[in-house]
Structure formats: structure tokens, C-alpha cells
């Protein structure tokens, strides 16, 4: 045990590191500092207004809340949530790649603070930092003239899936045999694809309903004008 981290053993015999109160506090402070720094650095010629910052903070908060509403909870981590990945992807769709990546990074740190499962520093980086930050890739299609949110969300989901797959393969592949798989690669592809893919399909159907699509377009117009 240290000042910032508690060390324990889970039911499978794996070592788990859980932040202490001091660790949680430090992570929250770092998250806020990095988010504000990213906003300042990535704003470029179009600096963030108070309204844009408020919209980004609201998206992070709503994504965090909806991530706790789990429609399907997977046994080894991961879940189909109430559109949480869409909500955090909206920041990139609204304000571009830099803002999207910054907000998604802050969201990833917040996920690590709220519901941590850490067995090593590399696993922490892949599962919480890289995987969630990838949701900011939605900003690549921020200025797309047609179906920008759909394209951006698909790219964001593929980024999240890539890093989740890497984590499952490298750090949790030893559990593949417990689920009847001889290959850790196949196990990770199917396991992570099950919950990420399910939420992605549900989300894509919803955001392409004409009324929803038009409503989200109006929200973007209000957020960016």
C-alpha cells in the first residue's frame, strides 16, 4: 500500500491497484488541469468560449452518468451503456479533433477514478487513457458536409475497439481458455466486439432517425454559433 494506491488480489488471483482517496483527488486535479490546458492549446485561432467549455463539461458529466447505466454488463469488464460513447463523441463533432481528444481524455481519467480496475501501468494506459481518448476521433469529421456525426462516431468506436482489443489480447488473454477459446486474439476480438459493437449498432440506429438527426444538428449549431 502507498499513499496514492492500494494493492490487492482479485478473485482470479490477479493483482489489482486501486487509487486511495489521495489518489482519486490527484487524478481529478490532473484531469481538470489537462482538460483546461488542452482547451487552451487546441483552441488555435478559434479559442474556446465560455459556452463551448460549458457544453464540453456537460458532455463529460452526462457521459459519466450514462456510463453507469449498464444495459448489459460483461463478466470481465466492459458494458453496453446508455449511449455514453456517443455523448462524449459529441464534443469532437461540435468543436473539432483537438477539443474532442481533450474531452475524451478527461473522460477516460474520470472513468479510471470512478470505476478502476488496474493490474499494471501499461494496462491502465491502454484501457483508460488510450481507449477512451480515441472517442475524440469523432472530431475528424467535425466539418463534414454530410453525415459528420455518423462518420465521426464510427471512427471513434473503431478507435475505442482497437485499444480495448489490445488490452484484452495482451493483458487478459490468459482468461481465453476459461471461455472456451484457444486463441487470445479471437477471444479479445469477440469479447470486446460484443459489447462495443452492440452499443455502436444501437447508437447508429438512433442517431439516424430523422427527428434525432435533425435535433442533434440543431444542438451543434447552437453550441458552435
C-alpha atoms as a PDB file:
ATOM      1  CA  UNK A   1       0.000   0.000   0.000  1.00  0.00           C
ATOM      2  CA  UNK A   2       1.196   3.508  -0.823  1.00  0.00           C
ATOM      3  CA  UNK A   3      -0.177   6.999  -0.274  1.00  0.00           C
ATOM      4  CA  UNK A   4      -1.841   7.074  -3.691  1.00  0.00           C
ATOM      5  CA  UNK A   5      -2.560   3.397  -4.483  1.00  0.00           C
ATOM      6  CA  UNK A   6      -3.853   0.315  -2.683  1.00  0.00           C
ATOM      7  CA  UNK A   7      -2.681  -3.111  -3.867  1.00  0.00           C
ATOM      8  CA  UNK A   8      -4.994  -6.132  -3.638  1.00  0.00           C
ATOM      9  CA  UNK A   9      -5.644  -9.536  -5.193  1.00  0.00           C
ATOM     10  CA  UNK A  10      -8.869 -10.226  -7.125  1.00  0.00           C
ATOM     11  CA  UNK A  11     -10.875 -13.460  -7.208  1.00  0.00           C
ATOM     12  CA  UNK A  12      -8.796 -14.800 -10.105  1.00  0.00           C
ATOM     13  CA  UNK A  13      -5.515 -14.225  -8.312  1.00  0.00           C
ATOM     14  CA  UNK A  14      -4.576 -11.138 -10.267  1.00  0.00           C
ATOM     15  CA  UNK A  15      -3.020  -8.095  -8.636  1.00  0.00           C
ATOM     16  CA  UNK A  16      -5.252  -5.026  -8.714  1.00  0.00           C
ATOM     17  CA  UNK A  17      -4.195  -1.462  -7.939  1.00  0.00           C
ATOM     18  CA  UNK A  18      -6.938   0.854  -6.644  1.00  0.00           C
ATOM     19  CA  UNK A  19      -6.384   4.573  -6.045  1.00  0.00           C
ATOM     20  CA  UNK A  20      -6.730   5.801  -2.468  1.00  0.00           C
ATOM     21  CA  UNK A  21      -8.626   8.969  -1.556  1.00  0.00           C
ATOM     22  CA  UNK A  22      -5.415  10.893  -2.171  1.00  0.00           C
ATOM     23  CA  UNK A  23      -5.013   9.058  -5.469  1.00  0.00           C
ATOM     24  CA  UNK A  24      -8.560   9.908  -6.526  1.00  0.00           C
ATOM     25  CA  UNK A  25      -8.025  13.547  -5.618  1.00  0.00           C
ATOM     26  CA  UNK A  26      -4.752  13.718  -7.547  1.00  0.00           C
ATOM     27  CA  UNK A  27      -6.343  12.140 -10.620  1.00  0.00           C
ATOM     28  CA  UNK A  28      -9.265  14.571 -10.579  1.00  0.00           C
ATOM     29  CA  UNK A  29      -6.891  17.535 -10.280  1.00  0.00           C
ATOM     30  CA  UNK A  30      -4.766  16.193 -13.138  1.00  0.00           C
ATOM     31  CA  UNK A  31      -7.865  15.580 -15.261  1.00  0.00           C
ATOM     32  CA  UNK A  32      -9.126  19.138 -14.793  1.00  0.00           C
ATOM     33  CA  UNK A  33      -5.681  20.629 -15.392  1.00  0.00           C
ATOM     34  CA  UNK A  34      -5.118  18.656 -18.590  1.00  0.00           C
ATOM     35  CA  UNK A  35      -8.600  19.428 -19.870  1.00  0.00           C
ATOM     36  CA  UNK A  36      -8.148  23.159 -19.370  1.00  0.00           C
ATOM     37  CA  UNK A  37      -4.630  23.034 -20.831  1.00  0.00           C
ATOM     38  CA  UNK A  38      -5.883  21.114 -23.841  1.00  0.00           C
ATOM     39  CA  UNK A  39      -8.655  23.628 -24.400  1.00  0.00           C
ATOM     40  CA  UNK A  40      -6.090  26.432 -24.362  1.00  0.00           C
ATOM     41  CA  UNK A  41      -3.613  24.659 -26.651  1.00  0.00           C
ATOM     42  CA  UNK A  42      -6.025  23.173 -29.167  1.00  0.00           C
ATOM     43  CA  UNK A  43      -8.238  26.187 -29.496  1.00  0.00           C
ATOM     44  CA  UNK A  44      -5.937  27.680 -32.127  1.00  0.00           C
ATOM     45  CA  UNK A  45      -7.460  30.689 -33.825  1.00  0.00           C
ATOM     46  CA  UNK A  46     -10.879  29.687 -32.589  1.00  0.00           C
ATOM     47  CA  UNK A  47     -10.475  29.941 -28.830  1.00  0.00           C
ATOM     48  CA  UNK A  48     -12.997  28.192 -26.647  1.00  0.00           C
ATOM     49  CA  UNK A  49     -15.781  30.424 -25.430  1.00  0.00           C
ATOM     50  CA  UNK A  50     -17.443  30.008 -22.074  1.00  0.00           C
ATOM     51  CA  UNK A  51     -20.388  28.369 -23.844  1.00  0.00           C
ATOM     52  CA  UNK A  52     -18.165  25.855 -25.627  1.00  0.00           C
ATOM     53  CA  UNK A  53     -16.401  24.999 -22.393  1.00  0.00           C
ATOM     54  CA  UNK A  54     -19.771  24.578 -20.687  1.00  0.00           C
ATOM     55  CA  UNK A  55     -21.019  22.276 -23.452  1.00  0.00           C
ATOM     56  CA  UNK A  56     -17.857  20.155 -23.194  1.00  0.00           C
ATOM     57  CA  UNK A  57     -18.095  19.901 -19.409  1.00  0.00           C
ATOM     58  CA  UNK A  58     -21.783  18.987 -19.677  1.00  0.00           C
ATOM     59  CA  UNK A  59     -20.994  16.239 -22.204  1.00  0.00           C
ATOM     60  CA  UNK A  60     -18.320  14.785 -19.908  1.00  0.00           C
ATOM     61  CA  UNK A  61     -20.738  14.827 -16.982  1.00  0.00           C
ATOM     62  CA  UNK A  62     -23.613  13.255 -18.942  1.00  0.00           C
ATOM     63  CA  UNK A  63     -21.337  10.617 -20.462  1.00  0.00           C
ATOM     64  CA  UNK A  64     -20.101   9.724 -16.990  1.00  0.00           C
ATOM     65  CA  UNK A  65     -23.657   9.400 -15.674  1.00  0.00           C
ATOM     66  CA  UNK A  66     -24.889   7.309 -18.614  1.00  0.00           C
ATOM     67  CA  UNK A  67     -21.811   5.067 -18.425  1.00  0.00           C
ATOM     68  CA  UNK A  68     -23.108   3.948 -15.033  1.00  0.00           C
ATOM     69  CA  UNK A  69     -26.430   2.896 -16.593  1.00  0.00           C
ATOM     70  CA  UNK A  70     -25.409  -0.515 -17.893  1.00  0.00           C
ATOM     71  CA  UNK A  71     -27.878  -2.323 -20.128  1.00  0.00           C
ATOM     72  CA  UNK A  72     -25.577  -5.343 -20.409  1.00  0.00           C
ATOM     73  CA  UNK A  73     -22.667  -5.832 -18.011  1.00  0.00           C
ATOM     74  CA  UNK A  74     -19.854  -8.099 -19.209  1.00  0.00           C
ATOM     75  CA  UNK A  75     -18.207 -10.521 -16.730  1.00  0.00           C
ATOM     76  CA  UNK A  76     -14.611  -9.411 -17.369  1.00  0.00           C
ATOM     77  CA  UNK A  77     -15.263  -5.706 -17.721  1.00  0.00           C
ATOM     78  CA  UNK A  78     -16.992  -3.592 -20.318  1.00  0.00           C
ATOM     79  CA  UNK A  79     -20.693  -2.944 -20.773  1.00  0.00           C
ATOM     80  CA  UNK A  80     -23.388  -1.785 -23.140  1.00  0.00           C
ATOM     81  CA  UNK A  81     -24.312   1.593 -21.672  1.00  0.00           C
ATOM     82  CA  UNK A  82     -26.962   4.221 -22.264  1.00  0.00           C
ATOM     83  CA  UNK A  83     -25.200   5.869 -25.240  1.00  0.00           C
ATOM     84  CA  UNK A  84     -22.276   7.119 -23.140  1.00  0.00           C
ATOM     85  CA  UNK A  85     -19.774   6.771 -26.004  1.00  0.00           C
ATOM     86  CA  UNK A  86     -21.994   8.878 -28.251  1.00  0.00           C
ATOM     87  CA  UNK A  87     -22.281  11.648 -25.699  1.00  0.00           C
ATOM     88  CA  UNK A  88     -18.531  12.053 -25.235  1.00  0.00           C
ATOM     89  CA  UNK A  89     -18.032  11.789 -29.011  1.00  0.00           C
ATOM     90  CA  UNK A  90     -20.295  14.813 -29.446  1.00  0.00           C
ATOM     91  CA  UNK A  91     -17.551  17.162 -28.225  1.00  0.00           C
ATOM     92  CA  UNK A  92     -15.370  16.289 -31.218  1.00  0.00           C
ATOM     93  CA  UNK A  93     -18.379  16.556 -33.541  1.00  0.00           C
ATOM     94  CA  UNK A  94     -19.134  20.012 -32.166  1.00  0.00           C
ATOM     95  CA  UNK A  95     -15.698  21.575 -31.780  1.00  0.00           C
ATOM     96  CA  UNK A  96     -13.159  19.529 -33.744  1.00  0.00           C
ATOM     97  CA  UNK A  97     -10.415  16.976 -33.176  1.00  0.00           C
ATOM     98  CA  UNK A  98      -8.336  18.801 -30.557  1.00  0.00           C
ATOM     99  CA  UNK A  99     -11.251  19.569 -28.289  1.00  0.00           C
ATOM    100  CA  UNK A 100     -12.677  16.093 -28.822  1.00  0.00           C
ATOM    101  CA  UNK A 101      -9.475  14.317 -27.841  1.00  0.00           C
ATOM    102  CA  UNK A 102      -9.009  16.569 -24.808  1.00  0.00           C
ATOM    103  CA  UNK A 103     -12.539  15.985 -23.520  1.00  0.00           C
ATOM    104  CA  UNK A 104     -12.314  12.241 -24.185  1.00  0.00           C
ATOM    105  CA  UNK A 105      -9.008  12.087 -22.320  1.00  0.00           C
ATOM    106  CA  UNK A 106     -10.593  13.833 -19.334  1.00  0.00           C
ATOM    107  CA  UNK A 107     -13.488  11.387 -19.524  1.00  0.00           C
ATOM    108  CA  UNK A 108     -11.080   8.447 -19.544  1.00  0.00           C
ATOM    109  CA  UNK A 109      -9.335   9.717 -16.432  1.00  0.00           C
ATOM    110  CA  UNK A 110     -12.704  10.180 -14.767  1.00  0.00           C
ATOM    111  CA  UNK A 111     -13.669   6.589 -15.631  1.00  0.00           C
ATOM    112  CA  UNK A 112     -10.427   5.437 -14.045  1.00  0.00           C
ATOM    113  CA  UNK A 113     -11.250   7.398 -10.909  1.00  0.00           C
ATOM    114  CA  UNK A 114     -14.835   6.179 -10.601  1.00  0.00           C
ATOM    115  CA  UNK A 115     -14.544   2.510 -11.568  1.00  0.00           C
ATOM    116  CA  UNK A 116     -10.882   1.456 -11.617  1.00  0.00           C
ATOM    117  CA  UNK A 117      -9.586  -1.995 -12.486  1.00  0.00           C
ATOM    118  CA  UNK A 118      -5.836  -1.646 -12.823  1.00  0.00           C
ATOM    119  CA  UNK A 119      -3.359  -4.520 -12.892  1.00  0.00           C
ATOM    120  CA  UNK A 120      -0.382  -2.573 -14.262  1.00  0.00           C
ATOM    121  CA  UNK A 121       0.566   0.850 -15.560  1.00  0.00           C
ATOM    122  CA  UNK A 122       0.596  -0.236 -19.250  1.00  0.00           C
ATOM    123  CA  UNK A 123      -2.858  -1.809 -18.882  1.00  0.00           C
ATOM    124  CA  UNK A 124      -4.124   1.356 -17.219  1.00  0.00           C
ATOM    125  CA  UNK A 125      -2.863   3.475 -20.104  1.00  0.00           C
ATOM    126  CA  UNK A 126      -4.399   1.250 -22.781  1.00  0.00           C
ATOM    127  CA  UNK A 127      -7.739   0.615 -21.056  1.00  0.00           C
ATOM    128  CA  UNK A 128      -8.441   4.041 -19.630  1.00  0.00           C
ATOM    129  CA  UNK A 129      -6.306   6.639 -21.397  1.00  0.00           C
ATOM    130  CA  UNK A 130      -5.874   5.437 -24.984  1.00  0.00           C
ATOM    131  CA  UNK A 131      -9.204   3.609 -25.370  1.00  0.00           C
ATOM    132  CA  UNK A 132     -11.387   6.443 -24.086  1.00  0.00           C
ATOM    133  CA  UNK A 133      -9.318   9.233 -25.646  1.00  0.00           C
ATOM    134  CA  UNK A 134      -9.900   7.546 -29.010  1.00  0.00           C
ATOM    135  CA  UNK A 135     -13.554   8.568 -28.745  1.00  0.00           C
ATOM    136  CA  UNK A 136     -12.372  12.091 -29.528  1.00  0.00           C
ATOM    137  CA  UNK A 137     -11.542  10.956 -33.063  1.00  0.00           C
ATOM    138  CA  UNK A 138     -15.101  11.940 -33.911  1.00  0.00           C
ATOM    139  CA  UNK A 139     -13.619  15.401 -34.432  1.00  0.00           C
ATOM    140  CA  UNK A 140     -12.018  14.277 -37.702  1.00  0.00           C
ATOM    141  CA  UNK A 141     -15.414  14.699 -39.366  1.00  0.00           C
ATOM    142  CA  UNK A 142     -16.488  17.801 -37.470  1.00  0.00           C
ATOM    143  CA  UNK A 143     -16.695  19.846 -40.670  1.00  0.00           C
ATOM    144  CA  UNK A 144     -18.112  17.105 -42.890  1.00  0.00           C
ATOM    145  CA  UNK A 145     -20.955  18.434 -45.027  1.00  0.00           C
ATOM    146  CA  UNK A 146     -22.968  15.225 -44.776  1.00  0.00           C
ATOM    147  CA  UNK A 147     -23.341  12.618 -42.011  1.00  0.00           C
ATOM    148  CA  UNK A 148     -20.482  14.073 -39.976  1.00  0.00           C
ATOM    149  CA  UNK A 149     -21.720  12.636 -36.693  1.00  0.00           C
ATOM    150  CA  UNK A 150     -22.255   9.159 -38.125  1.00  0.00           C
ATOM    151  CA  UNK A 151     -18.792   9.091 -39.716  1.00  0.00           C
ATOM    152  CA  UNK A 152     -17.146  10.555 -36.647  1.00  0.00           C
ATOM    153  CA  UNK A 153     -18.883   8.165 -34.289  1.00  0.00           C
ATOM    154  CA  UNK A 154     -17.872   5.137 -36.368  1.00  0.00           C
ATOM    155  CA  UNK A 155     -14.230   6.281 -36.363  1.00  0.00           C
ATOM    156  CA  UNK A 156     -14.392   6.930 -32.613  1.00  0.00           C
ATOM    157  CA  UNK A 157     -15.843   3.492 -31.945  1.00  0.00           C
ATOM    158  CA  UNK A 158     -13.207   1.790 -34.097  1.00  0.00           C
ATOM    159  CA  UNK A 159     -10.501   3.609 -32.117  1.00  0.00           C
ATOM    160  CA  UNK A 160     -12.024   2.548 -28.804  1.00  0.00           C
ATOM    161  CA  UNK A 161     -12.393  -1.022 -30.065  1.00  0.00           C
ATOM    162  CA  UNK A 162      -8.775  -1.183 -31.245  1.00  0.00           C
ATOM    163  CA  UNK A 163      -7.336  -0.296 -27.850  1.00  0.00           C
ATOM    164  CA  UNK A 164      -9.828  -2.460 -25.953  1.00  0.00           C
ATOM    165  CA  UNK A 165      -8.855  -5.347 -28.211  1.00  0.00           C
ATOM    166  CA  UNK A 166      -5.160  -4.751 -27.491  1.00  0.00           C
ATOM    167  CA  UNK A 167      -5.822  -4.745 -23.764  1.00  0.00           C
ATOM    168  CA  UNK A 168      -7.881  -7.927 -23.921  1.00  0.00           C
ATOM    169  CA  UNK A 169      -5.262  -9.677 -26.010  1.00  0.00           C
ATOM    170  CA  UNK A 170      -2.138  -8.570 -24.132  1.00  0.00           C
ATOM    171  CA  UNK A 171      -3.303  -8.244 -20.525  1.00  0.00           C
ATOM    172  CA  UNK A 172      -6.341 -10.510 -20.233  1.00  0.00           C
ATOM    173  CA  UNK A 173      -5.703 -13.132 -22.895  1.00  0.00           C
ATOM    174  CA  UNK A 174      -4.792 -15.636 -20.174  1.00  0.00           C
ATOM    175  CA  UNK A 175      -8.518 -15.946 -19.434  1.00  0.00           C
ATOM    176  CA  UNK A 176      -9.373 -17.008 -23.003  1.00  0.00           C
ATOM    177  CA  UNK A 177      -9.331 -20.708 -22.101  1.00  0.00           C
ATOM    178  CA  UNK A 178     -11.872 -20.102 -19.330  1.00  0.00           C
ATOM    179  CA  UNK A 179     -14.360 -19.104 -22.018  1.00  0.00           C
ATOM    180  CA  UNK A 180     -13.511 -21.930 -24.412  1.00  0.00           C
ATOM    181  CA  UNK A 181     -11.118 -20.024 -26.697  1.00  0.00           C
ATOM    182  CA  UNK A 182      -7.699 -21.332 -27.662  1.00  0.00           C
ATOM    183  CA  UNK A 183      -6.625 -18.026 -29.168  1.00  0.00           C
ATOM    184  CA  UNK A 184      -6.309 -14.876 -27.065  1.00  0.00           C
ATOM    185  CA  UNK A 185      -6.664 -12.791 -30.232  1.00  0.00           C
ATOM    186  CA  UNK A 186     -10.009 -14.343 -31.158  1.00  0.00           C
ATOM    187  CA  UNK A 187     -11.174 -14.115 -27.560  1.00  0.00           C
ATOM    188  CA  UNK A 188     -10.387 -10.406 -27.351  1.00  0.00           C
ATOM    189  CA  UNK A 189     -11.864  -9.628 -30.778  1.00  0.00           C
ATOM    190  CA  UNK A 190     -15.160 -11.314 -29.931  1.00  0.00           C
ATOM    191  CA  UNK A 191     -15.375 -10.287 -26.278  1.00  0.00           C
ATOM    192  CA  UNK A 192     -14.766  -6.585 -26.879  1.00  0.00           C
ATOM    193  CA  UNK A 193     -16.682  -6.620 -30.138  1.00  0.00           C
ATOM    194  CA  UNK A 194     -19.748  -7.968 -28.342  1.00  0.00           C
ATOM    195  CA  UNK A 195     -20.387  -5.003 -26.059  1.00  0.00           C
ATOM    196  CA  UNK A 196     -18.773  -2.222 -28.100  1.00  0.00           C
ATOM    197  CA  UNK A 197     -20.434  -3.446 -31.284  1.00  0.00           C
ATOM    198  CA  UNK A 198     -23.840  -3.812 -29.633  1.00  0.00           C
ATOM    199  CA  UNK A 199     -23.786  -0.262 -28.279  1.00  0.00           C
ATOM    200  CA  UNK A 200     -22.485   1.051 -31.609  1.00  0.00           C
ATOM    201  CA  UNK A 201     -25.302  -0.563 -33.595  1.00  0.00           C
ATOM    202  CA  UNK A 202     -27.963   0.720 -31.191  1.00  0.00           C
ATOM    203  CA  UNK A 203     -26.456   4.217 -31.277  1.00  0.00           C
ATOM    204  CA  UNK A 204     -26.140   4.366 -35.068  1.00  0.00           C
ATOM    205  CA  UNK A 205     -29.773   3.387 -35.464  1.00  0.00           C
ATOM    206  CA  UNK A 206     -30.883   6.057 -33.008  1.00  0.00           C
ATOM    207  CA  UNK A 207     -28.806   8.949 -34.387  1.00  0.00           C
ATOM    208  CA  UNK A 208     -30.013   8.255 -37.915  1.00  0.00           C
ATOM    209  CA  UNK A 209     -33.680   8.533 -37.019  1.00  0.00           C
ATOM    210  CA  UNK A 210     -34.622  11.739 -38.900  1.00  0.00           C
ATOM    211  CA  UNK A 211     -36.032  13.546 -35.860  1.00  0.00           C
ATOM    212  CA  UNK A 212     -32.990  12.685 -33.728  1.00  0.00           C
ATOM    213  CA  UNK A 213     -30.575  13.541 -36.531  1.00  0.00           C
ATOM    214  CA  UNK A 214     -32.160  16.943 -37.045  1.00  0.00           C
ATOM    215  CA  UNK A 215     -32.242  17.587 -33.309  1.00  0.00           C
ATOM    216  CA  UNK A 216     -28.526  16.798 -32.890  1.00  0.00           C
ATOM    217  CA  UNK A 217     -27.729  19.071 -35.844  1.00  0.00           C
ATOM    218  CA  UNK A 218     -29.585  21.925 -34.147  1.00  0.00           C
ATOM    219  CA  UNK A 219     -27.696  21.296 -30.902  1.00  0.00           C
ATOM    220  CA  UNK A 220     -24.399  21.546 -32.796  1.00  0.00           C
ATOM    221  CA  UNK A 221     -25.482  24.782 -34.430  1.00  0.00           C
ATOM    222  CA  UNK A 222     -26.370  26.258 -31.048  1.00  0.00           C
ATOM    223  CA  UNK A 223     -23.124  25.025 -29.460  1.00  0.00           C
ATOM    224  CA  UNK A 224     -20.887  26.482 -32.160  1.00  0.00           C
ATOM    225  CA  UNK A 225     -22.597  29.721 -33.150  1.00  0.00           C
END
